[in-house]
C-alpha atoms as a PDB file:
ATOM      1  CA  UNK A   1      -0.734   9.847  13.201  1.00  0.00           C
ATOM      2  CA  UNK A   2       0.595   6.911  11.385  1.00  0.00           C
ATOM      3  CA  UNK A   3       4.154   6.026  11.125  1.00  0.00           C
ATOM      4  CA  UNK A   4       5.524   3.344   8.768  1.00  0.00           C
ATOM      5  CA  UNK A   5       8.823   1.723   8.907  1.00  0.00           C
ATOM      6  CA  UNK A   6      10.621  -1.020   6.602  1.00  0.00           C
ATOM      7  CA  UNK A   7      12.586  -3.807   8.158  1.00  0.00           C
ATOM      8  CA  UNK A   8      13.991  -5.243   4.834  1.00  0.00           C
ATOM      9  CA  UNK A   9      17.612  -4.607   5.565  1.00  0.00           C
ATOM     10  CA  UNK A  10      18.040  -5.666   9.292  1.00  0.00           C
ATOM     11  CA  UNK A  11      21.072  -7.732  10.074  1.00  0.00           C
ATOM     12  CA  UNK A  12      19.188 -10.928  11.214  1.00  0.00           C
ATOM     13  CA  UNK A  13      16.779 -10.702   8.267  1.00  0.00           C
ATOM     14  CA  UNK A  14      14.693 -14.223   7.848  1.00  0.00           C
ATOM     15  CA  UNK A  15      12.300 -12.669   5.303  1.00  0.00           C
ATOM     16  CA  UNK A  16      11.777 -14.308   1.914  1.00  0.00           C
ATOM     17  CA  UNK A  17      12.492 -11.756  -0.599  1.00  0.00           C
ATOM     18  CA  UNK A  18      10.220 -13.615  -3.137  1.00  0.00           C
ATOM     19  CA  UNK A  19       7.296 -13.623  -0.726  1.00  0.00           C
ATOM     20  CA  UNK A  20       7.775  -9.968   0.031  1.00  0.00           C
ATOM     21  CA  UNK A  21       7.582  -9.126  -3.718  1.00  0.00           C
ATOM     22  CA  UNK A  22       4.557 -11.327  -4.100  1.00  0.00           C
ATOM     23  CA  UNK A  23       2.582  -9.750  -1.209  1.00  0.00           C
ATOM     24  CA  UNK A  24       3.744  -6.240  -2.245  1.00  0.00           C
ATOM     25  CA  UNK A  25       1.976  -6.605  -5.512  1.00  0.00           C
ATOM     26  CA  UNK A  26      -1.205  -7.875  -3.697  1.00  0.00           C
ATOM     27  CA  UNK A  27      -1.769  -5.544  -0.740  1.00  0.00           C
ATOM     28  CA  UNK A  28      -2.872  -2.373  -2.631  1.00  0.00           C
ATOM     29  CA  UNK A  29      -5.508  -4.094  -4.863  1.00  0.00           C
ATOM     30  CA  UNK A  30      -8.912  -3.658  -3.266  1.00  0.00           C
ATOM     31  CA  UNK A  31     -10.445  -6.056  -5.883  1.00  0.00           C
ATOM     32  CA  UNK A  32      -7.623  -8.629  -5.771  1.00  0.00           C
ATOM     33  CA  UNK A  33      -6.663 -11.569  -3.632  1.00  0.00           C
ATOM     34  CA  UNK A  34      -7.151  -9.514  -0.543  1.00  0.00           C
ATOM     35  CA  UNK A  35     -10.613  -8.358  -1.249  1.00  0.00           C
ATOM     36  CA  UNK A  36     -11.964 -10.100   1.804  1.00  0.00           C
ATOM     37  CA  UNK A  37      -9.290  -8.582   3.956  1.00  0.00           C
ATOM     38  CA  UNK A  38     -10.465  -5.046   2.792  1.00  0.00           C
ATOM     39  CA  UNK A  39     -14.159  -6.026   3.345  1.00  0.00           C
ATOM     40  CA  UNK A  40     -13.334  -7.443   6.810  1.00  0.00           C
ATOM     41  CA  UNK A  41     -11.595  -4.282   8.000  1.00  0.00           C
ATOM     42  CA  UNK A  42     -14.666  -2.749   9.827  1.00  0.00           C
ATOM     43  CA  UNK A  43     -15.214  -5.960  11.496  1.00  0.00           C
ATOM     44  CA  UNK A  44     -11.610  -6.389  12.552  1.00  0.00           C
ATOM     45  CA  UNK A  45     -11.563  -2.764  13.907  1.00  0.00           C
ATOM     46  CA  UNK A  46     -14.859  -3.209  15.611  1.00  0.00           C
ATOM     47  CA  UNK A  47     -13.482  -6.515  17.467  1.00  0.00           C
ATOM     48  CA  UNK A  48     -10.324  -4.657  18.431  1.00  0.00           C
ATOM     49  CA  UNK A  49     -12.378  -1.777  19.943  1.00  0.00           C
ATOM     50  CA  UNK A  50     -14.829  -3.986  21.767  1.00  0.00           C
ATOM     51  CA  UNK A  51     -12.156  -6.110  23.174  1.00  0.00           C
ATOM     52  CA  UNK A  52     -10.050  -3.031  24.425  1.00  0.00           C
ATOM     53  CA  UNK A  53     -13.230  -1.598  25.779  1.00  0.00           C
ATOM     54  CA  UNK A  54     -13.920  -4.951  27.769  1.00  0.00           C
ATOM     55  CA  UNK A  55     -10.476  -4.935  29.181  1.00  0.00           C
ATOM     56  CA  UNK A  56     -10.499  -1.315  30.215  1.00  0.00           C
ATOM     57  CA  UNK A  57     -13.927  -1.858  31.969  1.00  0.00           C
ATOM     58  CA  UNK A  58     -12.554  -4.784  33.888  1.00  0.00           C
ATOM     59  CA  UNK A  59      -9.680  -2.677  35.095  1.00  0.00           C
ATOM     60  CA  UNK A  60     -11.806   0.433  35.764  1.00  0.00           C
ATOM     61  CA  UNK A  61     -15.579  -0.290  36.269  1.00  0.00           C
ATOM     62  CA  UNK A  62     -16.352   3.393  35.909  1.00  0.00           C
ATOM     63  CA  UNK A  63     -15.605   3.403  32.314  1.00  0.00           C
ATOM     64  CA  UNK A  64     -18.972   2.255  31.413  1.00  0.00           C
ATOM     65  CA  UNK A  65     -20.078   5.091  29.226  1.00  0.00           C
ATOM     66  CA  UNK A  66     -20.724   5.279  25.545  1.00  0.00           C
ATOM     67  CA  UNK A  67     -18.244   8.138  25.335  1.00  0.00           C
ATOM     68  CA  UNK A  68     -15.411   6.217  26.622  1.00  0.00           C
ATOM     69  CA  UNK A  69     -15.807   3.733  23.708  1.00  0.00           C
ATOM     70  CA  UNK A  70     -15.504   6.644  21.335  1.00  0.00           C
ATOM     71  CA  UNK A  71     -12.304   7.924  22.899  1.00  0.00           C
ATOM     72  CA  UNK A  72     -10.915   4.614  23.835  1.00  0.00           C
ATOM     73  CA  UNK A  73      -8.027   4.589  21.373  1.00  0.00           C
ATOM     74  CA  UNK A  74      -6.956   8.372  21.735  1.00  0.00           C
ATOM     75  CA  UNK A  75      -3.552   8.617  22.633  1.00  0.00           C
ATOM     76  CA  UNK A  76      -2.701   4.784  22.718  1.00  0.00           C
ATOM     77  CA  UNK A  77       0.377   3.478  20.957  1.00  0.00           C
ATOM     78  CA  UNK A  78      -0.533   0.818  18.326  1.00  0.00           C
ATOM     79  CA  UNK A  79       1.939  -1.352  16.394  1.00  0.00           C
ATOM     80  CA  UNK A  80       0.656  -3.214  13.281  1.00  0.00           C
ATOM     81  CA  UNK A  81       3.341  -5.792  12.439  1.00  0.00           C
ATOM     82  CA  UNK A  82       3.231  -6.722   8.600  1.00  0.00           C
ATOM     83  CA  UNK A  83       1.057  -3.756   8.000  1.00  0.00           C
ATOM     84  CA  UNK A  84       1.171  -4.266   4.113  1.00  0.00           C
ATOM     85  CA  UNK A  85      -0.726  -1.407   2.475  1.00  0.00           C
ATOM     86  CA  UNK A  86      -1.754  -0.123   5.881  1.00  0.00           C
ATOM     87  CA  UNK A  87      -5.411  -0.826   5.719  1.00  0.00           C
ATOM     88  CA  UNK A  88      -5.712  -1.802   9.403  1.00  0.00           C
ATOM     89  CA  UNK A  89      -3.085   0.731  10.575  1.00  0.00           C
ATOM     90  CA  UNK A  90      -5.201   3.809   9.428  1.00  0.00           C
ATOM     91  CA  UNK A  91      -8.274   2.716  11.420  1.00  0.00           C
ATOM     92  CA  UNK A  92      -6.794   3.109  14.910  1.00  0.00           C
ATOM     93  CA  UNK A  93      -5.150   6.420  13.590  1.00  0.00           C
ATOM     94  CA  UNK A  94      -8.528   7.791  12.628  1.00  0.00           C
ATOM     95  CA  UNK A  95      -9.620   7.068  16.252  1.00  0.00           C
ATOM     96  CA  UNK A  96      -6.852   9.033  17.745  1.00  0.00           C
ATOM     97  CA  UNK A  97      -4.228   6.299  18.313  1.00  0.00           C
ATOM     98  CA  UNK A  98      -0.526   6.920  17.518  1.00  0.00           C
ATOM     99  CA  UNK A  99      -0.197   4.233  15.149  1.00  0.00           C
ATOM    100  CA  UNK A 100       3.078   2.526  13.710  1.00  0.00           C
ATOM    101  CA  UNK A 101       2.846   0.180  10.877  1.00  0.00           C
ATOM    102  CA  UNK A 102       5.986  -1.876   9.966  1.00  0.00           C
ATOM    103  CA  UNK A 103       6.642  -4.243   7.044  1.00  0.00           C
ATOM    104  CA  UNK A 104       9.273  -6.031   5.348  1.00  0.00           C
ATOM    105  CA  UNK A 105       8.400  -4.485   2.007  1.00  0.00           C
ATOM    106  CA  UNK A 106       9.550  -1.073   1.066  1.00  0.00           C
ATOM    107  CA  UNK A 107       6.807  -0.974  -1.639  1.00  0.00           C
ATOM    108  CA  UNK A 108       4.036  -1.618   0.894  1.00  0.00           C
ATOM    109  CA  UNK A 109       5.448   1.078   3.021  1.00  0.00           C
ATOM    110  CA  UNK A 110       5.272   3.528   0.076  1.00  0.00           C
ATOM    111  CA  UNK A 111       1.624   2.367  -0.572  1.00  0.00           C
ATOM    112  CA  UNK A 112       0.672   2.954   3.118  1.00  0.00           C
ATOM    113  CA  UNK A 113       2.191   6.235   3.269  1.00  0.00           C
ATOM    114  CA  UNK A 114       0.787   7.441   0.055  1.00  0.00           C
ATOM    115  CA  UNK A 115      -2.751   6.000   1.006  1.00  0.00           C
ATOM    116  CA  UNK A 116      -2.679   7.720   4.512  1.00  0.00           C
ATOM    117  CA  UNK A 117      -1.573  10.990   3.120  1.00  0.00           C
ATOM    118  CA  UNK A 118      -4.884  10.989   1.186  1.00  0.00           C
ATOM    119  CA  UNK A 119      -6.867  10.741   4.327  1.00  0.00           C
ATOM    120  CA  UNK A 120      -7.582  14.118   5.841  1.00  0.00           C
ATOM    121  CA  UNK A 121      -8.399  12.394   9.205  1.00  0.00           C
ATOM    122  CA  UNK A 122      -4.911  11.150   9.836  1.00  0.00           C
ATOM    123  CA  UNK A 123      -1.402  12.707   9.452  1.00  0.00           C
ATOM    124  CA  UNK A 124       1.214  10.222   8.339  1.00  0.00           C
ATOM    125  CA  UNK A 125       4.614  10.679   9.456  1.00  0.00           C
ATOM    126  CA  UNK A 126       7.584  10.296   7.099  1.00  0.00           C
ATOM    127  CA  UNK A 127       8.476   6.674   6.475  1.00  0.00           C
ATOM    128  CA  UNK A 128      11.564   5.353   8.210  1.00  0.00           C
ATOM    129  CA  UNK A 129      13.507   2.901   6.309  1.00  0.00           C
ATOM    130  CA  UNK A 130      15.015   0.512   7.051  1.00  0.00           C
ATOM    131  CA  UNK A 131      15.072  -0.454  10.708  1.00  0.00           C
ATOM    132  CA  UNK A 132      18.579  -1.378  12.007  1.00  0.00           C
END
């Protein structure tokens, strides 16, 4: 499941509204300035999984089977701060993690929610907006 939240109207907001607007326009364009972020996503997800598995195996050496790697994120809580359009947030959700993405841009939250709703492997929750 993916949950998305917007932090735009918090009482101690230090976010630059011009920057939020700028990145809101960029985050959903897979061929725009963030093209490499989209292309790097599988590498980032693999890095996260491999490092989580390494930590889990250090804590519990019996966790050394390939099936553990496949189920590693199931049931874990994942927080993606500055989630943008939700690109990275969706990957752990597909692997069974309870994923929450937060972003200062309401437009990014809308993009992330819409994109997640088109993926049958994940079930997006209703966005919470704003945090207070």
